[in-house]
């Protein structure tokens, strides 16, 4: 019974966190790509 409740709580917490986490991850990827492009432009 408790295991089932824990699983449900964890699933709902992950559901709440996922959109924000995806947005953070996307921002990190965009920053990384921009840095790579910038360093390539500086190098050439």
PDB file of N, CA and C in Angstrom:
ATOM      1  N   UNK A   1       0.842  -1.208   0.000  1.00  0.00           N
ATOM      2  CA  UNK A   1       0.000   0.000   0.000  1.00  0.00           C
ATOM      3  C   UNK A   1       0.871   1.249   0.000  1.00  0.00           C
ATOM      4  N   UNK A   2       1.815   1.326   0.936  1.00  0.00           N
ATOM      5  CA  UNK A   2       2.695   2.493   0.982  1.00  0.00           C
ATOM      6  C   UNK A   2       3.556   2.585  -0.272  1.00  0.00           C
ATOM      7  N   UNK A   3       4.000   1.428  -0.771  1.00  0.00           N
ATOM      8  CA  UNK A   3       4.824   1.432  -1.984  1.00  0.00           C
ATOM      9  C   UNK A   3       4.031   2.025  -3.147  1.00  0.00           C
ATOM     10  N   UNK A   4       2.769   1.651  -3.244  1.00  0.00           N
ATOM     11  CA  UNK A   4       1.919   2.190  -4.308  1.00  0.00           C
ATOM     12  C   UNK A   4       1.781   3.703  -4.169  1.00  0.00           C
ATOM     13  N   UNK A   5       1.560   4.177  -2.945  1.00  0.00           N
ATOM     14  CA  UNK A   5       1.436   5.628  -2.731  1.00  0.00           C
ATOM     15  C   UNK A   5       2.736   6.340  -3.081  1.00  0.00           C
ATOM     16  N   UNK A   6       3.869   5.754  -2.699  1.00  0.00           N
ATOM     17  CA  UNK A   6       5.156   6.364  -3.020  1.00  0.00           C
ATOM     18  C   UNK A   6       5.352   6.450  -4.526  1.00  0.00           C
ATOM     19  N   UNK A   7       4.987   5.399  -5.238  1.00  0.00           N
ATOM     20  CA  UNK A   7       5.131   5.396  -6.691  1.00  0.00           C
ATOM     21  C   UNK A   7       4.264   6.483  -7.314  1.00  0.00           C
ATOM     22  N   UNK A   8       3.034   6.624  -6.818  1.00  0.00           N
ATOM     23  CA  UNK A   8       2.144   7.656  -7.355  1.00  0.00           C
ATOM     24  C   UNK A   8       2.679   9.049  -7.047  1.00  0.00           C
ATOM     25  N   UNK A   9       3.172   9.250  -5.831  1.00  0.00           N
ATOM     26  CA  UNK A   9       3.719  10.562  -5.457  1.00  0.00           C
ATOM     27  C   UNK A   9       4.929  10.890  -6.316  1.00  0.00           C
ATOM     28  N   UNK A  10       5.770   9.892  -6.530  1.00  0.00           N
ATOM     29  CA  UNK A  10       6.963  10.123  -7.338  1.00  0.00           C
ATOM     30  C   UNK A  10       6.582  10.456  -8.777  1.00  0.00           C
ATOM     31  N   UNK A  11       5.605   9.740  -9.325  1.00  0.00           N
ATOM     32  CA  UNK A  11       5.174   9.986 -10.702  1.00  0.00           C
ATOM     33  C   UNK A  11       4.613  11.394 -10.849  1.00  0.00           C
ATOM     34  N   UNK A  12       3.807  11.837  -9.875  1.00  0.00           N
ATOM     35  CA  UNK A  12       3.225  13.176  -9.979  1.00  0.00           C
ATOM     36  C   UNK A  12       4.307  14.236  -9.799  1.00  0.00           C
ATOM     37  N   UNK A  13       5.282  13.990  -8.921  1.00  0.00           N
ATOM     38  CA  UNK A  13       6.377  14.950  -8.740  1.00  0.00           C
ATOM     39  C   UNK A  13       7.198  15.053 -10.017  1.00  0.00           C
ATOM     40  N   UNK A  14       7.492  13.918 -10.646  1.00  0.00           N
ATOM     41  CA  UNK A  14       8.247  13.943 -11.896  1.00  0.00           C
ATOM     42  C   UNK A  14       7.460  14.670 -12.973  1.00  0.00           C
ATOM     43  N   UNK A  15       6.145  14.465 -12.992  1.00  0.00           N
ATOM     44  CA  UNK A  15       5.310  15.138 -13.990  1.00  0.00           C
ATOM     45  C   UNK A  15       5.371  16.650 -13.796  1.00  0.00           C
ATOM     46  N   UNK A  16       5.380  17.104 -12.535  1.00  0.00           N
ATOM     47  CA  UNK A  16       5.433  18.543 -12.265  1.00  0.00           C
ATOM     48  C   UNK A  16       6.803  19.112 -12.621  1.00  0.00           C
ATOM     49  N   UNK A  17       7.852  18.343 -12.364  1.00  0.00           N
ATOM     50  CA  UNK A  17       9.202  18.854 -12.576  1.00  0.00           C
ATOM     51  C   UNK A  17       9.618  18.812 -14.040  1.00  0.00           C
ATOM     52  N   UNK A  18       9.061  17.897 -14.796  1.00  0.00           N
ATOM     53  CA  UNK A  18       9.571  17.665 -16.146  1.00  0.00           C
ATOM     54  C   UNK A  18       9.538  18.909 -17.037  1.00  0.00           C
ATOM     55  N   UNK A  19       8.426  19.679 -17.119  1.00  0.00           N
ATOM     56  CA  UNK A  19       8.427  20.840 -18.021  1.00  0.00           C
ATOM     57  C   UNK A  19       9.524  21.847 -17.684  1.00  0.00           C
ATOM     58  N   UNK A  20       9.699  22.138 -16.404  1.00  0.00           N
ATOM     59  CA  UNK A  20      10.744  23.070 -16.011  1.00  0.00           C
ATOM     60  C   UNK A  20      12.126  22.518 -16.304  1.00  0.00           C
ATOM     61  N   UNK A  21      12.303  21.225 -16.060  1.00  0.00           N
ATOM     62  CA  UNK A  21      13.592  20.590 -16.320  1.00  0.00           C
ATOM     63  C   UNK A  21      13.895  20.611 -17.807  1.00  0.00           C
ATOM     64  N   UNK A  22      12.885  20.336 -18.635  1.00  0.00           N
ATOM     65  CA  UNK A  22      13.084  20.353 -20.082  1.00  0.00           C
ATOM     66  C   UNK A  22      13.468  21.750 -20.550  1.00  0.00           C
ATOM     67  N   UNK A  23      12.836  22.775 -19.978  1.00  0.00           N
ATOM     68  CA  UNK A  23      13.157  24.149 -20.361  1.00  0.00           C
ATOM     69  C   UNK A  23      14.594  24.487 -19.969  1.00  0.00           C
ATOM     70  N   UNK A  24      15.012  24.079 -18.770  1.00  0.00           N
ATOM     71  CA  UNK A  24      16.390  24.328 -18.348  1.00  0.00           C
ATOM     72  C   UNK A  24      17.369  23.605 -19.261  1.00  0.00           C
ATOM     73  N   UNK A  25      17.055  22.350 -19.575  1.00  0.00           N
ATOM     74  CA  UNK A  25      17.943  21.564 -20.419  1.00  0.00           C
ATOM     75  C   UNK A  25      18.052  22.197 -21.801  1.00  0.00           C
ATOM     76  N   UNK A  26      16.924  22.641 -22.355  1.00  0.00           N
ATOM     77  CA  UNK A  26      16.926  23.273 -23.674  1.00  0.00           C
ATOM     78  C   UNK A  26      17.774  24.546 -23.645  1.00  0.00           C
ATOM     79  N   UNK A  27      17.657  25.327 -22.570  1.00  0.00           N
ATOM     80  CA  UNK A  27      18.459  26.553 -22.451  1.00  0.00           C
ATOM     81  C   UNK A  27      19.943  26.217 -22.388  1.00  0.00           C
ATOM     82  N   UNK A  28      20.300  25.183 -21.636  1.00  0.00           N
ATOM     83  CA  UNK A  28      21.702  24.772 -21.555  1.00  0.00           C
ATOM     84  C   UNK A  28      22.215  24.357 -22.922  1.00  0.00           C
ATOM     85  N   UNK A  29      21.420  23.602 -23.671  1.00  0.00           N
ATOM     86  CA  UNK A  29      21.829  23.145 -24.998  1.00  0.00           C
ATOM     87  C   UNK A  29      22.011  24.337 -25.928  1.00  0.00           C
ATOM     88  N   UNK A  30      21.076  25.287 -25.889  1.00  0.00           N
ATOM     89  CA  UNK A  30      21.187  26.469 -26.746  1.00  0.00           C
ATOM     90  C   UNK A  30      22.443  27.267 -26.410  1.00  0.00           C
ATOM     91  N   UNK A  31      22.720  27.449 -25.121  1.00  0.00           N
ATOM     92  CA  UNK A  31      23.926  28.176 -24.722  1.00  0.00           C
ATOM     93  C   UNK A  31      25.176  27.449 -25.201  1.00  0.00           C
ATOM     94  N   UNK A  32      25.182  26.122 -25.073  1.00  0.00           N
ATOM     95  CA  UNK A  32      26.331  25.324 -25.490  1.00  0.00           C
ATOM     96  C   UNK A  32      26.557  25.457 -26.993  1.00  0.00           C
ATOM     97  N   UNK A  33      25.474  25.379 -27.774  1.00  0.00           N
ATOM     98  CA  UNK A  33      25.585  25.491 -29.230  1.00  0.00           C
ATOM     99  C   UNK A  33      26.097  26.878 -29.610  1.00  0.00           C
ATOM    100  N   UNK A  34      25.571  27.916 -28.952  1.00  0.00           N
ATOM    101  CA  UNK A  34      26.034  29.271 -29.250  1.00  0.00           C
ATOM    102  C   UNK A  34      27.516  29.429 -28.932  1.00  0.00           C
ATOM    103  N   UNK A  35      27.978  28.842 -27.819  1.00  0.00           N
ATOM    104  CA  UNK A  35      29.398  28.924 -27.482  1.00  0.00           C
ATOM    105  C   UNK A  35      30.235  28.208 -28.528  1.00  0.00           C
ATOM    106  N   UNK A  36      29.775  27.048 -28.991  1.00  0.00           N
ATOM    107  CA  UNK A  36      30.518  26.307 -30.011  1.00  0.00           C
ATOM    108  C   UNK A  36      30.602  27.120 -31.299  1.00  0.00           C
ATOM    109  N   UNK A  37      29.480  27.692 -31.726  1.00  0.00           N
ATOM    110  CA  UNK A  37      29.458  28.491 -32.948  1.00  0.00           C
ATOM    111  C   UNK A  37      30.384  29.694 -32.786  1.00  0.00           C
ATOM    112  N   UNK A  38      30.321  30.352 -31.637  1.00  0.00           N
ATOM    113  CA  UNK A  38      31.148  31.533 -31.389  1.00  0.00           C
ATOM    114  C   UNK A  38      32.630  31.163 -31.429  1.00  0.00           C
ATOM    115  N   UNK A  39      33.005  30.058 -30.789  1.00  0.00           N
ATOM    116  CA  UNK A  39      34.416  29.670 -30.762  1.00  0.00           C
ATOM    117  C   UNK A  39      34.888  29.280 -32.161  1.00  0.00           C
ATOM    118  N   UNK A  40      34.016  28.673 -32.969  1.00  0.00           N
ATOM    119  CA  UNK A  40      34.378  28.358 -34.355  1.00  0.00           C
ATOM    120  C   UNK A  40      34.608  29.639 -35.148  1.00  0.00           C
ATOM    121  N   UNK A  41      33.759  30.648 -34.947  1.00  0.00           N
ATOM    122  CA  UNK A  41      33.910  31.911 -35.669  1.00  0.00           C
ATOM    123  C   UNK A  41      35.199  32.613 -35.258  1.00  0.00           C
ATOM    124  N   UNK A  42      35.520  32.557 -33.962  1.00  0.00           N
ATOM    125  CA  UNK A  42      36.744  33.201 -33.477  1.00  0.00           C
ATOM    126  C   UNK A  42      37.964  32.494 -34.059  1.00  0.00           C
ATOM    127  N   UNK A  43      37.911  31.174 -34.140  1.00  0.00           N
ATOM    128  CA  UNK A  43      39.051  30.391 -34.601  1.00  0.00           C
ATOM    129  C   UNK A  43      39.326  30.646 -36.081  1.00  0.00           C
ATOM    130  N   UNK A  44      38.288  30.808 -36.890  1.00  0.00           N
ATOM    131  CA  UNK A  44      38.478  30.939 -38.340  1.00  0.00           C
ATOM    132  C   UNK A  44      38.824  32.360 -38.761  1.00  0.00           C
TER     133      UNK A  44
END
